[in-house]
PDB file of all heavy atoms in Angstrom:
ATOM      1  N   THR A   1      58.704 -44.137  75.347  1.00  0.00           N
ATOM      2  CA  THR A   1      57.991 -42.951  75.850  1.00  0.00           C
ATOM      3  C   THR A   1      58.081 -42.878  77.369  1.00  0.00           C
ATOM      4  O   THR A   1      58.317 -41.802  77.943  1.00  0.00           O
ATOM      5  CB  THR A   1      56.521 -42.983  75.403  1.00  0.00           C
ATOM      6  OG1 THR A   1      56.473 -42.953  73.962  1.00  0.00           O
ATOM      7  CG2 THR A   1      55.750 -41.790  75.944  1.00  0.00           C
ATOM      8  N   ALA A   2      57.919 -44.025  78.040  1.00  0.00           N
ATOM      9  CA  ALA A   2      58.014 -44.051  79.497  1.00  0.00           C
ATOM     10  C   ALA A   2      59.432 -43.711  79.964  1.00  0.00           C
ATOM     11  O   ALA A   2      59.619 -42.961  80.934  1.00  0.00           O
ATOM     12  CB  ALA A   2      57.607 -45.426  80.020  1.00  0.00           C
ATOM     13  N   LEU A   3      60.441 -44.233  79.277  1.00  0.00           N
ATOM     14  CA  LEU A   3      61.828 -43.935  79.631  1.00  0.00           C
ATOM     15  C   LEU A   3      62.107 -42.441  79.521  1.00  0.00           C
ATOM     16  O   LEU A   3      62.710 -41.830  80.411  1.00  0.00           O
ATOM     17  CB  LEU A   3      62.787 -44.699  78.722  1.00  0.00           C
ATOM     18  CG  LEU A   3      63.039 -46.179  79.018  1.00  0.00           C
ATOM     19  CD1 LEU A   3      63.831 -46.813  77.876  1.00  0.00           C
ATOM     20  CD2 LEU A   3      63.788 -46.353  80.322  1.00  0.00           C
ATOM     21  N   LEU A   4      61.669 -41.855  78.424  1.00  0.00           N
ATOM     22  CA  LEU A   4      61.945 -40.439  78.191  1.00  0.00           C
ATOM     23  C   LEU A   4      61.139 -39.547  79.126  1.00  0.00           C
ATOM     24  O   LEU A   4      61.605 -38.470  79.517  1.00  0.00           O
ATOM     25  CB  LEU A   4      61.688 -40.100  76.721  1.00  0.00           C
ATOM     26  CG  LEU A   4      62.698 -40.716  75.744  1.00  0.00           C
ATOM     27  CD1 LEU A   4      62.206 -40.590  74.305  1.00  0.00           C
ATOM     28  CD2 LEU A   4      64.068 -40.070  75.890  1.00  0.00           C
ATOM     29  N   ASP A   5      59.939 -39.972  79.478  1.00  0.00           N
ATOM     30  CA  ASP A   5      59.149 -39.225  80.467  1.00  0.00           C
ATOM     31  C   ASP A   5      59.909 -39.103  81.782  1.00  0.00           C
ATOM     32  O   ASP A   5      59.916 -38.046  82.419  1.00  0.00           O
ATOM     33  CB  ASP A   5      57.805 -39.917  80.705  1.00  0.00           C
ATOM     34  CG  ASP A   5      56.770 -39.578  79.646  1.00  0.00           C
ATOM     35  OD1 ASP A   5      56.992 -38.607  78.895  1.00  0.00           O
ATOM     36  OD2 ASP A   5      55.760 -40.295  79.556  1.00  0.00           O
ATOM     37  N   ARG A   6      60.555 -40.213  82.200  1.00  0.00           N
ATOM     38  CA  ARG A   6      61.324 -40.196  83.450  1.00  0.00           C
ATOM     39  C   ARG A   6      62.484 -39.205  83.384  1.00  0.00           C
ATOM     40  O   ARG A   6      62.947 -38.710  84.412  1.00  0.00           O
ATOM     41  CB  ARG A   6      61.863 -41.596  83.762  1.00  0.00           C
ATOM     42  CG  ARG A   6      60.804 -42.689  83.847  1.00  0.00           C
ATOM     43  CD  ARG A   6      60.054 -42.667  85.165  1.00  0.00           C
ATOM     44  NE  ARG A   6      59.032 -43.717  85.207  1.00  0.00           N
ATOM     45  CZ  ARG A   6      59.224 -44.938  85.685  1.00  0.00           C
ATOM     46  NH1 ARG A   6      60.419 -45.282  86.147  1.00  0.00           N
ATOM     47  NH2 ARG A   6      58.251 -45.822  85.687  1.00  0.00           N
ATOM     48  N   LEU A   7      62.969 -38.947  82.171  1.00  0.00           N
ATOM     49  CA  LEU A   7      64.104 -38.031  81.986  1.00  0.00           C
ATOM     50  C   LEU A   7      63.665 -36.600  81.721  1.00  0.00           C
ATOM     51  O   LEU A   7      64.503 -35.710  81.541  1.00  0.00           O
ATOM     52  CB  LEU A   7      64.971 -38.512  80.817  1.00  0.00           C
ATOM     53  CG  LEU A   7      65.676 -39.868  80.988  1.00  0.00           C
ATOM     54  CD1 LEU A   7      66.339 -40.286  79.682  1.00  0.00           C
ATOM     55  CD2 LEU A   7      66.703 -39.807  82.109  1.00  0.00           C
ATOM     56  N   GLY A   8      62.373 -36.364  81.663  1.00  0.00           N
ATOM     57  CA  GLY A   8      61.886 -35.021  81.362  1.00  0.00           C
ATOM     58  C   GLY A   8      61.827 -34.720  79.878  1.00  0.00           C
ATOM     59  O   GLY A   8      61.864 -33.550  79.474  1.00  0.00           O
ATOM     60  N   ASN A   9      61.734 -35.757  79.070  1.00  0.00           N
ATOM     61  CA  ASN A   9      61.589 -35.615  77.609  1.00  0.00           C
ATOM     62  C   ASN A   9      62.682 -34.739  76.984  1.00  0.00           C
ATOM     63  O   ASN A   9      62.413 -33.698  76.384  1.00  0.00           O
ATOM     64  CB  ASN A   9      60.197 -35.079  77.260  1.00  0.00           C
ATOM     65  CG  ASN A   9      59.114 -36.080  77.597  1.00  0.00           C
ATOM     66  OD1 ASN A   9      59.196 -37.248  77.217  1.00  0.00           O
ATOM     67  ND2 ASN A   9      58.109 -35.638  78.338  1.00  0.00           N
ATOM     68  N   PRO A  10      63.928 -35.187  77.098  1.00  0.00           N
ATOM     69  CA  PRO A  10      65.041 -34.393  76.564  1.00  0.00           C
ATOM     70  C   PRO A  10      64.988 -34.202  75.049  1.00  0.00           C
ATOM     71  O   PRO A  10      65.519 -33.217  74.535  1.00  0.00           O
ATOM     72  CB  PRO A  10      66.272 -35.215  76.960  1.00  0.00           C
ATOM     73  CG  PRO A  10      65.763 -36.625  77.129  1.00  0.00           C
ATOM     74  CD  PRO A  10      64.392 -36.455  77.700  1.00  0.00           C
ATOM     75  N   HIS A  11      64.330 -35.102  74.323  1.00  0.00           N
ATOM     76  CA  HIS A  11      64.285 -35.020  72.861  1.00  0.00           C
ATOM     77  C   HIS A  11      63.439 -33.850  72.366  1.00  0.00           C
ATOM     78  O   HIS A  11      63.451 -33.551  71.174  1.00  0.00           O
ATOM     79  CB  HIS A  11      63.746 -36.324  72.283  1.00  0.00           C
ATOM     80  CG  HIS A  11      62.405 -36.733  72.812  1.00  0.00           C
ATOM     81  ND1 HIS A  11      62.148 -36.921  74.149  1.00  0.00           N
ATOM     82  CD2 HIS A  11      61.224 -36.981  72.174  1.00  0.00           C
ATOM     83  CE1 HIS A  11      60.899 -37.276  74.315  1.00  0.00           C
ATOM     84  NE2 HIS A  11      60.309 -37.313  73.142  1.00  0.00           N
ATOM     85  N   HIS A  12      62.719 -33.185  73.273  1.00  0.00           N
ATOM     86  CA  HIS A  12      61.928 -32.010  72.892  1.00  0.00           C
ATOM     87  C   HIS A  12      62.739 -30.715  72.974  1.00  0.00           C
ATOM     88  O   HIS A  12      62.217 -29.649  72.646  1.00  0.00           O
ATOM     89  CB  HIS A  12      60.703 -31.882  73.805  1.00  0.00           C
ATOM     90  CG  HIS A  12      59.703 -32.983  73.617  1.00  0.00           C
ATOM     91  ND1 HIS A  12      58.729 -33.261  74.554  1.00  0.00           N
ATOM     92  CD2 HIS A  12      59.526 -33.867  72.613  1.00  0.00           C
ATOM     93  CE1 HIS A  12      57.997 -34.282  74.127  1.00  0.00           C
ATOM     94  NE2 HIS A  12      58.469 -34.659  72.953  1.00  0.00           N
ATOM     95  N   ARG A  13      64.000 -30.798  73.375  1.00  0.00           N
ATOM     96  CA  ARG A  13      64.794 -29.590  73.634  1.00  0.00           C
ATOM     97  C   ARG A  13      65.624 -29.134  72.429  1.00  0.00           C
ATOM     98  O   ARG A  13      66.333 -28.138  72.534  1.00  0.00           O
ATOM     99  CB  ARG A  13      65.721 -29.824  74.832  1.00  0.00           C
ATOM    100  CG  ARG A  13      64.986 -30.175  76.112  1.00  0.00           C
ATOM    101  CD  ARG A  13      65.960 -30.377  77.259  1.00  0.00           C
ATOM    102  NE  ARG A  13      65.401 -31.256  78.280  1.00  0.00           N
ATOM    103  CZ  ARG A  13      66.098 -31.777  79.280  1.00  0.00           C
ATOM    104  NH1 ARG A  13      67.384 -31.472  79.404  1.00  0.00           N
ATOM    105  NH2 ARG A  13      65.526 -32.586  80.154  1.00  0.00           N
ATOM    106  N   TYR A  14      65.551 -29.851  71.328  1.00  0.00           N
ATOM    107  CA  TYR A  14      66.344 -29.495  70.148  1.00  0.00           C
ATOM    108  C   TYR A  14      65.649 -30.046  68.905  1.00  0.00           C
ATOM    109  O   TYR A  14      64.905 -31.033  68.979  1.00  0.00           O
ATOM    110  CB  TYR A  14      67.769 -30.083  70.245  1.00  0.00           C
ATOM    111  CG  TYR A  14      67.798 -31.501  70.771  1.00  0.00           C
ATOM    112  CD1 TYR A  14      67.505 -32.590  69.950  1.00  0.00           C
ATOM    113  CD2 TYR A  14      68.079 -31.756  72.113  1.00  0.00           C
ATOM    114  CE1 TYR A  14      67.514 -33.876  70.442  1.00  0.00           C
ATOM    115  CE2 TYR A  14      68.086 -33.041  72.620  1.00  0.00           C
ATOM    116  CZ  TYR A  14      67.799 -34.107  71.776  1.00  0.00           C
ATOM    117  OH  TYR A  14      67.789 -35.386  72.266  1.00  0.00           O
ATOM    118  N   PRO A  15      65.852 -29.411  67.751  1.00  0.00           N
ATOM    119  CA  PRO A  15      65.283 -29.938  66.507  1.00  0.00           C
ATOM    120  C   PRO A  15      66.075 -31.158  66.028  1.00  0.00           C
ATOM    121  O   PRO A  15      67.252 -31.324  66.383  1.00  0.00           O
ATOM    122  CB  PRO A  15      65.425 -28.767  65.527  1.00  0.00           C
ATOM    123  CG  PRO A  15      66.586 -27.991  66.050  1.00  0.00           C
ATOM    124  CD  PRO A  15      66.566 -28.139  67.551  1.00  0.00           C
ATOM    125  N   SER A  16      65.415 -31.980  65.230  1.00  0.00           N
ATOM    126  CA  SER A  16      66.048 -33.217  64.772  1.00  0.00           C
ATOM    127  C   SER A  16      65.836 -33.437  63.274  1.00  0.00           C
ATOM    128  O   SER A  16      64.823 -33.026  62.709  1.00  0.00           O
ATOM    129  CB  SER A  16      65.479 -34.424  65.530  1.00  0.00           C
ATOM    130  OG  SER A  16      65.735 -34.337  66.911  1.00  0.00           O
ATOM    131  N   ILE A  17      66.798 -34.107  62.685  1.00  0.00           N
ATOM    132  CA  ILE A  17      66.680 -34.671  61.338  1.00  0.00           C
ATOM    133  C   ILE A  17      66.584 -36.174  61.522  1.00  0.00           C
ATOM    134  O   ILE A  17      67.429 -36.783  62.195  1.00  0.00           O
ATOM    135  CB  ILE A  17      67.902 -34.306  60.482  1.00  0.00           C
ATOM    136  CG1 ILE A  17      68.053 -32.790  60.379  1.00  0.00           C
ATOM    137  CG2 ILE A  17      67.797 -34.917  59.093  1.00  0.00           C
ATOM    138  CD1 ILE A  17      69.422 -32.359  59.905  1.00  0.00           C
ATOM    139  N   HIS A  18      65.574 -36.791  60.959  1.00  0.00           N
ATOM    140  CA  HIS A  18      65.289 -38.208  61.189  1.00  0.00           C
ATOM    141  C   HIS A  18      65.456 -38.949  59.868  1.00  0.00           C
ATOM    142  O   HIS A  18      64.824 -38.583  58.866  1.00  0.00           O
ATOM    143  CB  HIS A  18      63.852 -38.351  61.707  1.00  0.00           C
ATOM    144  CG  HIS A  18      63.595 -39.601  62.474  1.00  0.00           C
ATOM    145  ND1 HIS A  18      62.332 -39.974  62.873  1.00  0.00           N
ATOM    146  CD2 HIS A  18      64.426 -40.579  62.919  1.00  0.00           C
ATOM    147  CE1 HIS A  18      62.400 -41.100  63.546  1.00  0.00           C
ATOM    148  NE2 HIS A  18      63.668 -41.497  63.579  1.00  0.00           N
ATOM    149  N   VAL A  19      66.293 -39.989  59.855  1.00  0.00           N
ATOM    150  CA  VAL A  19      66.653 -40.660  58.600  1.00  0.00           C
ATOM    151  C   VAL A  19      66.368 -42.148  58.703  1.00  0.00           C
ATOM    152  O   VAL A  19      66.863 -42.833  59.602  1.00  0.00           O
ATOM    153  CB  VAL A  19      68.140 -40.439  58.259  1.00  0.00           C
ATOM    154  CG1 VAL A  19      68.478 -41.071  56.907  1.00  0.00           C
ATOM    155  CG2 VAL A  19      68.482 -38.948  58.244  1.00  0.00           C
ATOM    156  N   THR A  20      65.581 -42.647  57.745  1.00  0.00           N
ATOM    157  CA  THR A  20      65.321 -44.080  57.643  1.00  0.00           C
ATOM    158  C   THR A  20      65.654 -44.557  56.237  1.00  0.00           C
ATOM    159  O   THR A  20      65.979 -43.771  55.356  1.00  0.00           O
ATOM    160  CB  THR A  20      63.852 -44.402  58.004  1.00  0.00           C
ATOM    161  OG1 THR A  20      63.700 -45.829  58.095  1.00  0.00           O
ATOM    162  CG2 THR A  20      62.882 -43.866  56.962  1.00  0.00           C
ATOM    163  N   GLY A  21      65.542 -45.865  56.035  1.00  0.00           N
ATOM    164  CA  GLY A  21      65.853 -46.469  54.747  1.00  0.00           C
ATOM    165  C   GLY A  21      66.499 -47.818  54.983  1.00  0.00           C
ATOM    166  O   GLY A  21      66.900 -48.142  56.101  1.00  0.00           O
ATOM    167  N   THR A  22      66.594 -48.614  53.941  1.00  0.00           N
ATOM    168  CA  THR A  22      67.234 -49.927  54.075  1.00  0.00           C
ATOM    169  C   THR A  22      68.744 -49.795  53.953  1.00  0.00           C
ATOM    170  O   THR A  22      69.497 -50.327  54.766  1.00  0.00           O
ATOM    171  CB  THR A  22      66.697 -50.902  53.018  1.00  0.00           C
ATOM    172  OG1 THR A  22      65.276 -50.934  53.093  1.00  0.00           O
ATOM    173  CG2 THR A  22      67.250 -52.299  53.241  1.00  0.00           C
ATOM    174  N   ASN A  23      69.214 -49.108  52.933  1.00  0.00           N
ATOM    175  CA  ASN A  23      70.636 -48.863  52.735  1.00  0.00           C
ATOM    176  C   ASN A  23      70.860 -47.362  52.543  1.00  0.00           C
ATOM    177  O   ASN A  23      70.005 -46.664  52.004  1.00  0.00           O
ATOM    178  CB  ASN A  23      71.158 -49.622  51.513  1.00  0.00           C
ATOM    179  CG  ASN A  23      71.078 -51.130  51.694  1.00  0.00           C
ATOM    180  OD1 ASN A  23      71.552 -51.673  52.678  1.00  0.00           O
ATOM    181  ND2 ASN A  23      70.462 -51.816  50.737  1.00  0.00           N
ATOM    182  N   GLY A  24      72.009 -46.882  52.993  1.00  0.00           N
ATOM    183  CA  GLY A  24      72.380 -45.493  52.767  1.00  0.00           C
ATOM    184  C   GLY A  24      72.094 -44.562  53.924  1.00  0.00           C
ATOM    185  O   GLY A  24      72.624 -43.447  53.960  1.00  0.00           O
ATOM    186  N   LYS A  25      71.292 -44.992  54.896  1.00  0.00           N
ATOM    187  CA  LYS A  25      70.908 -44.039  55.941  1.00  0.00           C
ATOM    188  C   LYS A  25      72.084 -43.649  56.825  1.00  0.00           C
ATOM    189  O   LYS A  25      72.192 -42.502  57.259  1.00  0.00           O
ATOM    190  CB  LYS A  25      69.735 -44.561  56.774  1.00  0.00           C
ATOM    191  CG  LYS A  25      69.930 -45.868  57.511  1.00  0.00           C
ATOM    192  CD  LYS A  25      68.638 -46.273  58.208  1.00  0.00           C
ATOM    193  CE  LYS A  25      68.799 -47.544  59.036  1.00  0.00           C
ATOM    194  NZ  LYS A  25      69.044 -48.740  58.188  1.00  0.00           N
ATOM    195  N   GLY A  26      73.000 -44.579  57.086  1.00  0.00           N
ATOM    196  CA  GLY A  26      74.165 -44.240  57.891  1.00  0.00           C
ATOM    197  C   GLY A  26      75.055 -43.226  57.206  1.00  0.00           C
ATOM    198  O   GLY A  26      75.559 -42.281  57.840  1.00  0.00           O
ATOM    199  N   SER A  27      75.257 -43.389  55.895  1.00  0.00           N
ATOM    200  CA  SER A  27      76.078 -42.444  55.141  1.00  0.00           C
ATOM    201  C   SER A  27      75.422 -41.074  55.079  1.00  0.00           C
ATOM    202  O   SER A  27      76.090 -40.037  55.232  1.00  0.00           O
ATOM    203  CB  SER A  27      76.316 -42.973  53.720  1.00  0.00           C
ATOM    204  OG  SER A  27      77.054 -44.181  53.742  1.00  0.00           O
ATOM    205  N   VAL A  28      74.114 -41.044  54.855  1.00  0.00           N
ATOM    206  CA  VAL A  28      73.394 -39.764  54.802  1.00  0.00           C
ATOM    207  C   VAL A  28      73.478 -39.061  56.153  1.00  0.00           C
ATOM    208  O   VAL A  28      73.705 -37.843  56.223  1.00  0.00           O
ATOM    209  CB  VAL A  28      71.930 -39.992  54.371  1.00  0.00           C
ATOM    210  CG1 VAL A  28      71.090 -38.746  54.624  1.00  0.00           C
ATOM    211  CG2 VAL A  28      71.877 -40.384  52.901  1.00  0.00           C
ATOM    212  N   CYS A  29      73.322 -39.796  57.246  1.00  0.00           N
ATOM    213  CA  CYS A  29      73.434 -39.195  58.578  1.00  0.00           C
ATOM    214  C   CYS A  29      74.825 -38.624  58.808  1.00  0.00           C
ATOM    215  O   CYS A  29      74.975 -37.495  59.300  1.00  0.00           O
ATOM    216  CB  CYS A  29      73.116 -40.235  59.653  1.00  0.00           C
ATOM    217  SG  CYS A  29      71.363 -40.622  59.842  1.00  0.00           S
ATOM    218  N   ALA A  30      75.848 -39.393  58.452  1.00  0.00           N
ATOM    219  CA  ALA A  30      77.222 -38.944  58.691  1.00  0.00           C
ATOM    220  C   ALA A  30      77.547 -37.696  57.875  1.00  0.00           C
ATOM    221  O   ALA A  30      78.139 -36.741  58.396  1.00  0.00           O
ATOM    222  CB  ALA A  30      78.198 -40.067  58.358  1.00  0.00           C
ATOM    223  N   MET A  31      77.154 -37.684  56.614  1.00  0.00           N
ATOM    224  CA  MET A  31      77.432 -36.510  55.782  1.00  0.00           C
ATOM    225  C   MET A  31      76.678 -35.291  56.285  1.00  0.00           C
ATOM    226  O   MET A  31      77.226 -34.183  56.346  1.00  0.00           O
ATOM    227  CB  MET A  31      77.069 -36.803  54.319  1.00  0.00           C
ATOM    228  CG  MET A  31      78.094 -37.649  53.584  1.00  0.00           C
ATOM    229  SD  MET A  31      77.806 -37.702  51.784  1.00  0.00           S
ATOM    230  CE  MET A  31      76.791 -39.157  51.664  1.00  0.00           C
ATOM    231  N   THR A  32      75.415 -35.481  56.653  1.00  0.00           N
ATOM    232  CA  THR A  32      74.607 -34.357  57.143  1.00  0.00           C
ATOM    233  C   THR A  32      75.195 -33.778  58.424  1.00  0.00           C
ATOM    234  O   THR A  32      75.344 -32.557  58.569  1.00  0.00           O
ATOM    235  CB  THR A  32      73.156 -34.810  57.379  1.00  0.00           C
ATOM    236  OG1 THR A  32      72.611 -35.327  56.156  1.00  0.00           O
ATOM    237  CG2 THR A  32      72.294 -33.659  57.862  1.00  0.00           C
ATOM    238  N   ALA A  33      75.531 -34.649  59.356  1.00  0.00           N
ATOM    239  CA  ALA A  33      76.109 -34.175  60.617  1.00  0.00           C
ATOM    240  C   ALA A  33      77.444 -33.471  60.379  1.00  0.00           C
ATOM    241  O   ALA A  33      77.739 -32.446  61.015  1.00  0.00           O
ATOM    242  CB  ALA A  33      76.302 -35.350  61.575  1.00  0.00           C
ATOM    243  N   SER A  34      78.251 -33.978  59.456  1.00  0.00           N
ATOM    244  CA  SER A  34      79.578 -33.405  59.211  1.00  0.00           C
ATOM    245  C   SER A  34      79.503 -32.009  58.604  1.00  0.00           C
ATOM    246  O   SER A  34      80.262 -31.111  58.986  1.00  0.00           O
ATOM    247  CB  SER A  34      80.391 -34.330  58.305  1.00  0.00           C
ATOM    248  OG  SER A  34      80.717 -35.533  58.971  1.00  0.00           O
ATOM    249  N   ILE A  35      78.579 -31.807  57.660  1.00  0.00           N
ATOM    250  CA  ILE A  35      78.516 -30.472  57.049  1.00  0.00           C
ATOM    251  C   ILE A  35      77.941 -29.453  58.031  1.00  0.00           C
ATOM    252  O   ILE A  35      78.346 -28.290  58.042  1.00  0.00           O
ATOM    253  CB  ILE A  35      77.732 -30.479  55.718  1.00  0.00           C
ATOM    254  CG1 ILE A  35      76.244 -30.768  55.919  1.00  0.00           C
ATOM    255  CG2 ILE A  35      78.349 -31.469  54.732  1.00  0.00           C
ATOM    256  CD1 ILE A  35      75.404 -30.569  54.666  1.00  0.00           C
ATOM    257  N   LEU A  36      77.003 -29.888  58.879  1.00  0.00           N
ATOM    258  CA  LEU A  36      76.469 -28.982  59.908  1.00  0.00           C
ATOM    259  C   LEU A  36      77.559 -28.619  60.920  1.00  0.00           C
ATOM    260  O   LEU A  36      77.679 -27.462  61.337  1.00  0.00           O
ATOM    261  CB  LEU A  36      75.283 -29.633  60.611  1.00  0.00           C
ATOM    262  CG  LEU A  36      73.974 -29.696  59.808  1.00  0.00           C
ATOM    263  CD1 LEU A  36      73.004 -30.682  60.448  1.00  0.00           C
ATOM    264  CD2 LEU A  36      73.331 -28.321  59.686  1.00  0.00           C
ATOM    265  N   GLN A  37      78.367 -29.607  61.291  1.00  0.00           N
ATOM    266  CA  GLN A  37      79.450 -29.332  62.224  1.00  0.00           C
ATOM    267  C   GLN A  37      80.468 -28.380  61.605  1.00  0.00           C
ATOM    268  O   GLN A  37      80.973 -27.466  62.275  1.00  0.00           O
ATOM    269  CB  GLN A  37      80.146 -30.630  62.628  1.00  0.00           C
ATOM    270  CG  GLN A  37      81.291 -30.393  63.604  1.00  0.00           C
ATOM    271  CD  GLN A  37      81.912 -31.671  64.085  1.00  0.00           C
ATOM    272  OE1 GLN A  37      81.229 -32.680  64.238  1.00  0.00           O
ATOM    273  NE2 GLN A  37      83.215 -31.647  64.337  1.00  0.00           N
ATOM    274  N   ALA A  38      80.775 -28.573  60.317  1.00  0.00           N
ATOM    275  CA  ALA A  38      81.744 -27.697  59.659  1.00  0.00           C
ATOM    276  C   ALA A  38      81.263 -26.247  59.639  1.00  0.00           C
ATOM    277  O   ALA A  38      82.077 -25.320  59.635  1.00  0.00           O
ATOM    278  CB  ALA A  38      82.004 -28.188  58.235  1.00  0.00           C
ATOM    279  N   GLN A  39      79.958 -26.056  59.647  1.00  0.00           N
ATOM    280  CA  GLN A  39      79.402 -24.708  59.664  1.00  0.00           C
ATOM    281  C   GLN A  39      79.473 -24.082  61.060  1.00  0.00           C
ATOM    282  O   GLN A  39      79.254 -22.881  61.219  1.00  0.00           O
ATOM    283  CB  GLN A  39      77.950 -24.741  59.170  1.00  0.00           C
ATOM    284  CG  GLN A  39      77.298 -23.385  59.005  1.00  0.00           C
ATOM    285  CD  GLN A  39      77.995 -22.514  57.975  1.00  0.00           C
ATOM    286  OE1 GLN A  39      78.296 -22.970  56.878  1.00  0.00           O
ATOM    287  NE2 GLN A  39      78.261 -21.254  58.327  1.00  0.00           N
ATOM    288  N   GLY A  40      79.769 -24.903  62.065  1.00  0.00           N
ATOM    289  CA  GLY A  40      79.909 -24.373  63.413  1.00  0.00           C
ATOM    290  C   GLY A  40      78.784 -24.727  64.359  1.00  0.00           C
ATOM    291  O   GLY A  40      78.796 -24.303  65.525  1.00  0.00           O
ATOM    292  N   TYR A  41      77.800 -25.511  63.908  1.00  0.00           N
ATOM    293  CA  TYR A  41      76.718 -25.930  64.797  1.00  0.00           C
ATOM    294  C   TYR A  41      77.202 -27.072  65.704  1.00  0.00           C
ATOM    295  O   TYR A  41      78.064 -27.868  65.322  1.00  0.00           O
ATOM    296  CB  TYR A  41      75.508 -26.386  63.988  1.00  0.00           C
ATOM    297  CG  TYR A  41      74.979 -25.345  63.030  1.00  0.00           C
ATOM    298  CD1 TYR A  41      75.032 -25.536  61.654  1.00  0.00           C
ATOM    299  CD2 TYR A  41      74.443 -24.144  63.505  1.00  0.00           C
ATOM    300  CE1 TYR A  41      74.559 -24.575  60.767  1.00  0.00           C
ATOM    301  CE2 TYR A  41      73.976 -23.182  62.638  1.00  0.00           C
ATOM    302  CZ  TYR A  41      74.040 -23.395  61.264  1.00  0.00           C
ATOM    303  OH  TYR A  41      73.583 -22.433  60.400  1.00  0.00           O
TER     304      TYR A  41
END
């Protein structure tokens, strides 16, 4: 929080998808990002 405060809280400037889990989270993130990119975002 202190680090981001010094930067002006850049994480508040865009919406986020947040993924946790023990296994599978990396694959879910990669697939989600790829389909959004294919749409042009």
